[in-house]
Every structure is written in structure tokens, then in C-alpha cells.
């Protein structure tokens, strides 16, 4: 259900919209009402609606002023006006409002506007979901330690991650191998890369896992083991932390995108 806020200073019109529109049929629920632009601003902040339906001319603060002051809050707006004036439409367009209805409101036109808005919201949410489901790449210069401007021990650690990421790597044990303390290695690595050793290692492992998931042919738990996570549950937790979704969902989304492109 999409959350709707009604902003209208005329009680009879506001109540008419609330009671005459079949909001459930439209896939919406009215979460609040406001009697002017200032009240609308407070309700937008408090209720975080998906859709704001607002009159233009209201006391204290008009609808366009309210929209301008709350721009960027993530909602879509429908403007209602008794005036078919170009100046209003022009300003509404400048505020990214594309739904502009004349009073008295034609309910069929309102349902159509709501349908268009819901589709835009759906597409926006889908885009955000997909963006969250992408693995953030590591800086390329750190993936080529030979050419990276890093210290001696950081270079050693970067090379070790690239060659042995699939096995257990302990900064304490590597410190013993290199003849320095774990704390010193941690300090050097963090200073040179802006990552902790474990964070960088896990990011690198998840990048490799994402590539294997895209290739297909292996079970998810097998991929986890291949990149250094023999415990599938822990692999799923770490993967979701860096990719924004589970390994299985990541693979499904990738396959869906490929089918769509084809």
C-alpha cells in the first residue's frame, strides 16, 4: 500500500477526497490530512508519505511553496487547482510534479494519475533495490599491489589476499611470519588503504563470489567455500552486508536482468 497525504484547506473537498475515493482499490491508504501548506510540511516530515495530493491556493503557505520546501523527501505529488493557469503548471513542472488535475476532481483522472505515480514509485524502488544489490568495487590501484603507492608490509598483505583469499588468513599469524606485530600490520594497512585488513579481505572475497554467482554452474554454498567461507550461514551474512542481498537473490537478479536484456 502506498501512503497518501491529503493537503487541502477546504474541508468539504478534503473530506470528499477521503471518503469518495476507493483508496484500497487504488492500492493506497490515506495516512493523514493537512489544512494548509505549513501543516502539510509538518505532516510530510512526520508521516513520510509516498504520495502528496495538494491544493495550490491555501492560507499561510500555498501548495507549491510547500512542495518547494519539502523537495527531496522522496514522495510524488498531485496538484489540484481550480485555475487552468500556465504559471501554476510551469512552476509545478520546475518542482518535478507531472500530475496536475483541475477541480472539481474527476475521479477517473485521479485513479489514472495514481496509477502512473505508483508505477514511477515502483520503478524507483526497483532501481534503488538493484543499486543496493551491487557489490562496491575496491580501488583498482589496490588490486595491483605492484603498482600501488603503499608501504612494504601493506604490499605484502595485498599480494597475500590476492593469492590466498580462499584460505584462512590471520593478521596475527601473518605478523609472526613477517616478524612484526599484528598491531603494526593493522596500522600500516589501514593507513595505506583506508580499510581494515579484515574488511578488505571480506570485500575481496565477496567480489570473487559475485563473479562466480554470475558465471553459474555451482551451488551457492560451494561458491562460499571457494572464496574462504566454509560456513554457508556466515557466508550469507557477510555477502548480504556487502552486496545488500543474499547470494541466492543476487544470482536470481542477475539472471533476471540477462533475460530482460535478451
Protein backbone atom coordinates (compact mmCIF):
# COMPACT_ATOMS: atom_id res chain seq x y z
CA UNK A 1 0.00 0.00 0.00
CA UNK A 2 1.24 3.46 -0.90
CA UNK A 3 0.87 6.12 1.80
CA UNK A 4 -1.12 9.22 0.81
CA UNK A 5 -1.27 12.65 2.46
CA UNK A 6 -4.16 15.00 1.57
CA UNK A 7 -3.39 18.72 1.82
CA UNK A 8 -6.46 20.90 1.23
CA UNK A 9 -7.80 23.88 3.17
CA UNK A 10 -11.45 23.37 2.14
CA UNK A 11 -12.93 20.77 4.46
CA UNK A 12 -15.67 19.67 2.05
CA UNK A 13 -13.14 18.94 -0.72
CA UNK A 14 -10.66 17.23 1.60
CA UNK A 15 -13.34 15.07 3.20
CA UNK A 16 -14.82 14.35 -0.22
CA UNK A 17 -11.47 13.01 -1.43
CA UNK A 18 -11.04 10.97 1.72
CA UNK A 19 -14.49 9.38 1.63
CA UNK A 20 -15.35 9.22 -2.08
CA UNK A 21 -12.17 7.70 -3.48
CA UNK A 22 -11.76 3.93 -3.19
CA UNK A 23 -8.23 4.12 -1.83
CA UNK A 24 -7.90 0.38 -1.26
CA UNK A 25 -8.82 -0.28 -4.88
CA UNK A 26 -6.18 2.25 -5.88
CA UNK A 27 -3.59 0.39 -3.78
CA UNK A 28 -3.25 3.31 -1.38
CA UNK A 29 -4.04 4.28 2.18
CA UNK A 30 -4.58 7.84 3.45
CA UNK A 31 -2.24 8.30 6.40
CA UNK A 32 -3.02 11.92 7.13
CA UNK A 33 -4.71 15.21 6.30
CA UNK A 34 -3.39 18.77 6.41
CA UNK A 35 -5.33 22.04 6.24
CA UNK A 36 -2.65 24.30 4.74
CA UNK A 37 0.93 24.27 3.45
CA UNK A 38 2.55 24.76 6.84
CA UNK A 39 0.50 21.92 8.30
CA UNK A 40 1.41 19.90 5.21
CA UNK A 41 5.13 20.41 5.83
CA UNK A 42 4.78 19.10 9.36
CA UNK A 43 2.78 16.07 8.20
CA UNK A 44 5.26 15.29 5.41
CA UNK A 45 8.05 15.25 7.99
CA UNK A 46 6.02 13.22 10.48
CA UNK A 47 4.26 10.72 8.19
CA UNK A 48 6.75 10.28 5.29
CA UNK A 49 4.05 9.77 2.63
CA UNK A 50 4.69 8.23 -0.77
CA UNK A 51 2.13 10.48 -2.47
CA UNK A 52 1.05 14.03 -1.58
CA UNK A 53 -2.17 15.36 -3.08
CA UNK A 54 -2.31 19.10 -2.55
CA UNK A 55 -4.33 22.16 -3.42
CA UNK A 56 -2.46 25.15 -4.83
CA UNK A 57 -4.06 28.12 -3.12
CA UNK A 58 -4.09 27.79 0.66
CA UNK A 59 -3.53 30.18 3.59
CA UNK A 60 -0.15 30.68 5.29
CA UNK A 61 1.77 28.64 2.70
CA UNK A 62 0.45 27.57 -0.69
CA UNK A 63 0.82 24.12 -2.19
CA UNK A 64 3.70 24.98 -4.50
CA UNK A 65 5.60 26.62 -1.65
CA UNK A 66 5.07 23.54 0.48
CA UNK A 67 6.35 21.30 -2.32
CA UNK A 68 9.38 23.53 -2.86
CA UNK A 69 10.30 23.45 0.84
CA UNK A 70 9.88 19.69 1.11
CA UNK A 71 11.55 18.84 -2.18
CA UNK A 72 13.76 15.79 -1.97
CA UNK A 73 11.63 14.00 0.64
CA UNK A 74 11.02 11.13 -1.78
CA UNK A 75 7.30 11.49 -2.44
CA UNK A 76 5.37 12.04 -5.69
CA UNK A 77 2.81 14.86 -5.84
CA UNK A 78 -0.54 15.50 -7.46
CA UNK A 79 -1.56 19.16 -7.66
CA UNK A 80 -5.23 20.14 -7.56
CA UNK A 81 -6.23 23.57 -8.81
CA UNK A 82 -9.37 25.42 -9.75
CA UNK A 83 -7.31 27.51 -12.11
CA UNK A 84 -6.14 26.32 -15.51
CA UNK A 85 -3.23 28.73 -15.41
CA UNK A 86 0.03 28.22 -17.22
CA UNK A 87 2.04 29.91 -14.45
CA UNK A 88 0.97 27.24 -11.95
CA UNK A 89 1.68 24.40 -14.36
CA UNK A 90 5.08 25.88 -15.25
CA UNK A 91 6.13 26.17 -11.60
CA UNK A 92 4.82 22.67 -10.88
CA UNK A 93 6.97 21.28 -13.70
CA UNK A 94 10.01 23.04 -12.21
CA UNK A 95 9.31 21.11 -8.99
CA UNK A 96 9.23 17.79 -10.91
CA UNK A 97 5.46 17.49 -10.47
CA UNK A 98 3.94 15.83 -13.51
CA UNK A 99 0.38 15.25 -12.26
CA UNK A 100 -1.81 18.37 -12.38
CA UNK A 101 -5.61 17.98 -12.03
CA UNK A 102 -8.33 20.61 -12.24
CA UNK A 103 -11.14 21.00 -9.73
CA UNK A 104 -13.73 19.63 -9.46
CA UNK A 105 -11.69 16.46 -9.43
CA UNK A 106 -12.60 13.83 -11.97
CA UNK A 107 -12.15 10.58 -10.04
CA UNK A 108 -11.27 8.59 -13.16
CA UNK A 109 -8.49 11.08 -13.89
CA UNK A 110 -7.34 10.81 -10.27
CA UNK A 111 -7.20 6.99 -10.46
CA UNK A 112 -5.17 7.26 -13.67
CA UNK A 113 -2.78 9.75 -12.05
CA UNK A 114 -2.37 7.47 -9.03
CA UNK A 115 -1.67 4.53 -11.33
CA UNK A 116 1.07 6.46 -13.15
CA UNK A 117 2.60 7.59 -9.87
CA UNK A 118 2.58 4.07 -8.41
CA UNK A 119 4.42 2.81 -11.48
CA UNK A 120 7.06 5.55 -11.12
CA UNK A 121 7.45 4.72 -7.43
CA UNK A 122 7.73 1.02 -8.23
CA UNK A 123 10.42 1.67 -10.83
CA UNK A 124 12.29 3.96 -8.44
CA UNK A 125 12.17 1.41 -5.63
CA UNK A 126 13.30 -1.34 -8.00
CA UNK A 127 16.24 0.79 -9.14
CA UNK A 128 17.24 1.50 -5.56
CA UNK A 129 16.94 -2.18 -4.68
CA UNK A 130 19.16 -3.15 -7.58
CA UNK A 131 21.68 -0.44 -6.68
CA UNK A 132 21.83 -1.80 -3.13
CA UNK A 133 22.36 -5.26 -4.56
CA UNK A 134 25.58 -4.39 -6.35
CA UNK A 135 28.95 -5.13 -4.83
CA UNK A 136 31.00 -1.99 -4.37
CA UNK A 137 34.33 -2.41 -6.20
CA UNK A 138 37.66 -1.95 -4.47
CA UNK A 139 40.05 0.73 -5.72
CA UNK A 140 41.80 -0.65 -8.81
CA UNK A 141 45.22 0.55 -7.68
CA UNK A 142 44.96 -1.64 -4.58
CA UNK A 143 44.17 -4.67 -6.71
CA UNK A 144 47.56 -4.25 -8.39
CA UNK A 145 49.86 -4.07 -5.37
CA UNK A 146 52.98 -3.98 -7.54
CA UNK A 147 51.96 -0.56 -8.81
CA UNK A 148 50.17 0.69 -5.69
CA UNK A 149 51.71 3.51 -3.68
CA UNK A 150 51.73 1.60 -0.42
CA UNK A 151 54.28 0.58 2.15
CA UNK A 152 56.28 -2.63 2.22
CA UNK A 153 54.01 -4.56 4.57
CA UNK A 154 50.76 -3.33 3.03
CA UNK A 155 52.05 -4.50 -0.34
CA UNK A 156 52.79 -7.92 1.14
CA UNK A 157 49.33 -8.14 2.63
CA UNK A 158 47.63 -7.11 -0.63
CA UNK A 159 49.55 -9.75 -2.55
CA UNK A 160 48.70 -12.34 0.08
CA UNK A 161 45.00 -11.52 -0.14
CA UNK A 162 45.04 -11.91 -3.91
CA UNK A 163 46.81 -15.25 -3.80
CA UNK A 164 45.32 -16.82 -0.66
CA UNK A 165 41.91 -15.19 -0.13
CA UNK A 166 40.24 -18.62 -0.27
CA UNK A 167 42.04 -19.88 2.83
CA UNK A 168 42.08 -18.66 6.40
CA UNK A 169 44.18 -15.53 6.81
CA UNK A 170 45.06 -14.19 10.23
CA UNK A 171 46.77 -10.86 10.71
CA UNK A 172 48.39 -12.19 13.89
CA UNK A 173 49.87 -15.19 12.07
CA UNK A 174 50.99 -13.03 9.15
CA UNK A 175 52.67 -10.70 11.63
CA UNK A 176 54.58 -13.62 13.07
CA UNK A 177 55.57 -14.67 9.56
CA UNK A 178 56.80 -11.16 8.68
CA UNK A 179 58.46 -10.57 12.06
CA UNK A 180 56.28 -7.62 13.10
CA UNK A 181 53.35 -7.18 15.45
CA UNK A 182 49.73 -7.60 14.50
CA UNK A 183 49.04 -4.03 15.67
CA UNK A 184 51.78 -2.66 13.39
CA UNK A 185 50.39 -4.51 10.36
CA UNK A 186 46.90 -3.25 11.16
CA UNK A 187 48.16 0.33 11.42
CA UNK A 188 50.13 0.16 8.16
CA UNK A 189 47.29 -1.41 6.19
CA UNK A 190 44.67 0.99 7.48
CA UNK A 191 46.91 3.99 6.84
CA UNK A 192 47.71 2.96 3.27
CA UNK A 193 44.28 1.72 2.14
CA UNK A 194 41.65 3.28 4.44
CA UNK A 195 40.36 -0.26 5.04
CA UNK A 196 40.99 -2.63 7.90
CA UNK A 197 42.63 -5.87 6.83
CA UNK A 198 39.54 -7.99 7.55
CA UNK A 199 37.21 -5.53 5.80
CA UNK A 200 39.37 -5.50 2.67
CA UNK A 201 39.73 -9.30 2.73
CA UNK A 202 35.98 -9.82 3.04
CA UNK A 203 35.25 -7.29 0.31
CA UNK A 204 37.70 -9.04 -1.99
CA UNK A 205 36.16 -12.42 -1.22
CA UNK A 206 32.63 -11.12 -1.91
CA UNK A 207 33.74 -9.62 -5.23
CA UNK A 208 35.07 -13.03 -6.25
CA UNK A 209 31.88 -14.69 -5.01
CA UNK A 210 29.74 -12.29 -7.04
CA UNK A 211 31.69 -13.15 -10.18
CA UNK A 212 31.21 -16.88 -9.56
CA UNK A 213 27.49 -16.33 -8.95
CA UNK A 214 27.22 -14.55 -12.29
CA UNK A 215 29.00 -17.42 -14.06
CA UNK A 216 26.59 -20.01 -12.66
CA UNK A 217 27.25 -23.75 -12.60
CA UNK A 218 27.98 -24.04 -8.88
CA UNK A 219 25.78 -24.19 -5.84
CA UNK A 220 25.80 -21.15 -3.59
CA UNK A 221 27.37 -23.00 -0.64
CA UNK A 222 30.11 -24.30 -2.95
CA UNK A 223 30.91 -20.75 -4.01
CA UNK A 224 31.11 -19.69 -0.38
CA UNK A 225 33.65 -22.41 0.32
CA UNK A 226 35.63 -21.45 -2.80
CA UNK A 227 36.13 -17.88 -1.58
CA UNK A 228 37.02 -18.60 2.03
CA UNK A 229 33.67 -19.10 3.75
CA UNK A 230 33.21 -22.82 4.53
CA UNK A 231 30.27 -21.94 6.82
CA UNK A 232 27.37 -21.14 4.46
CA UNK A 233 25.38 -19.19 7.07
CA UNK A 234 28.33 -16.92 7.76
CA UNK A 235 28.94 -16.53 4.02
CA UNK A 236 25.32 -15.42 3.54
CA UNK A 237 25.63 -12.88 6.38
CA UNK A 238 28.85 -11.36 5.01
CA UNK A 239 27.58 -11.37 1.43
CA UNK A 240 24.42 -9.51 2.40
CA UNK A 241 26.48 -6.97 4.34
CA UNK A 242 28.50 -6.02 1.25
CA UNK A 243 26.06 -6.78 -1.58
CA UNK A 244 22.79 -5.76 0.05
CA UNK A 245 21.06 -9.10 -0.56
CA UNK A 246 21.58 -12.82 -0.13
CA UNK A 247 23.82 -14.75 -2.58
CA UNK A 248 20.78 -16.58 -3.98
CA UNK A 249 18.89 -13.36 -4.57
CA UNK A 250 21.96 -11.78 -6.17
CA UNK A 251 22.15 -14.65 -8.66
CA UNK A 252 18.40 -14.53 -9.36
CA UNK A 253 18.53 -10.78 -10.04
CA UNK A 254 21.49 -11.19 -12.37
CA UNK A 255 19.74 -13.93 -14.31
CA UNK A 256 16.56 -11.85 -14.48
CA UNK A 257 18.49 -8.86 -15.84
CA UNK A 258 20.10 -11.01 -18.52
CA UNK A 259 16.74 -12.42 -19.60
CA UNK A 260 15.30 -8.89 -19.79
CA UNK A 261 18.21 -7.67 -21.90
CA UNK A 262 17.86 -10.60 -24.29
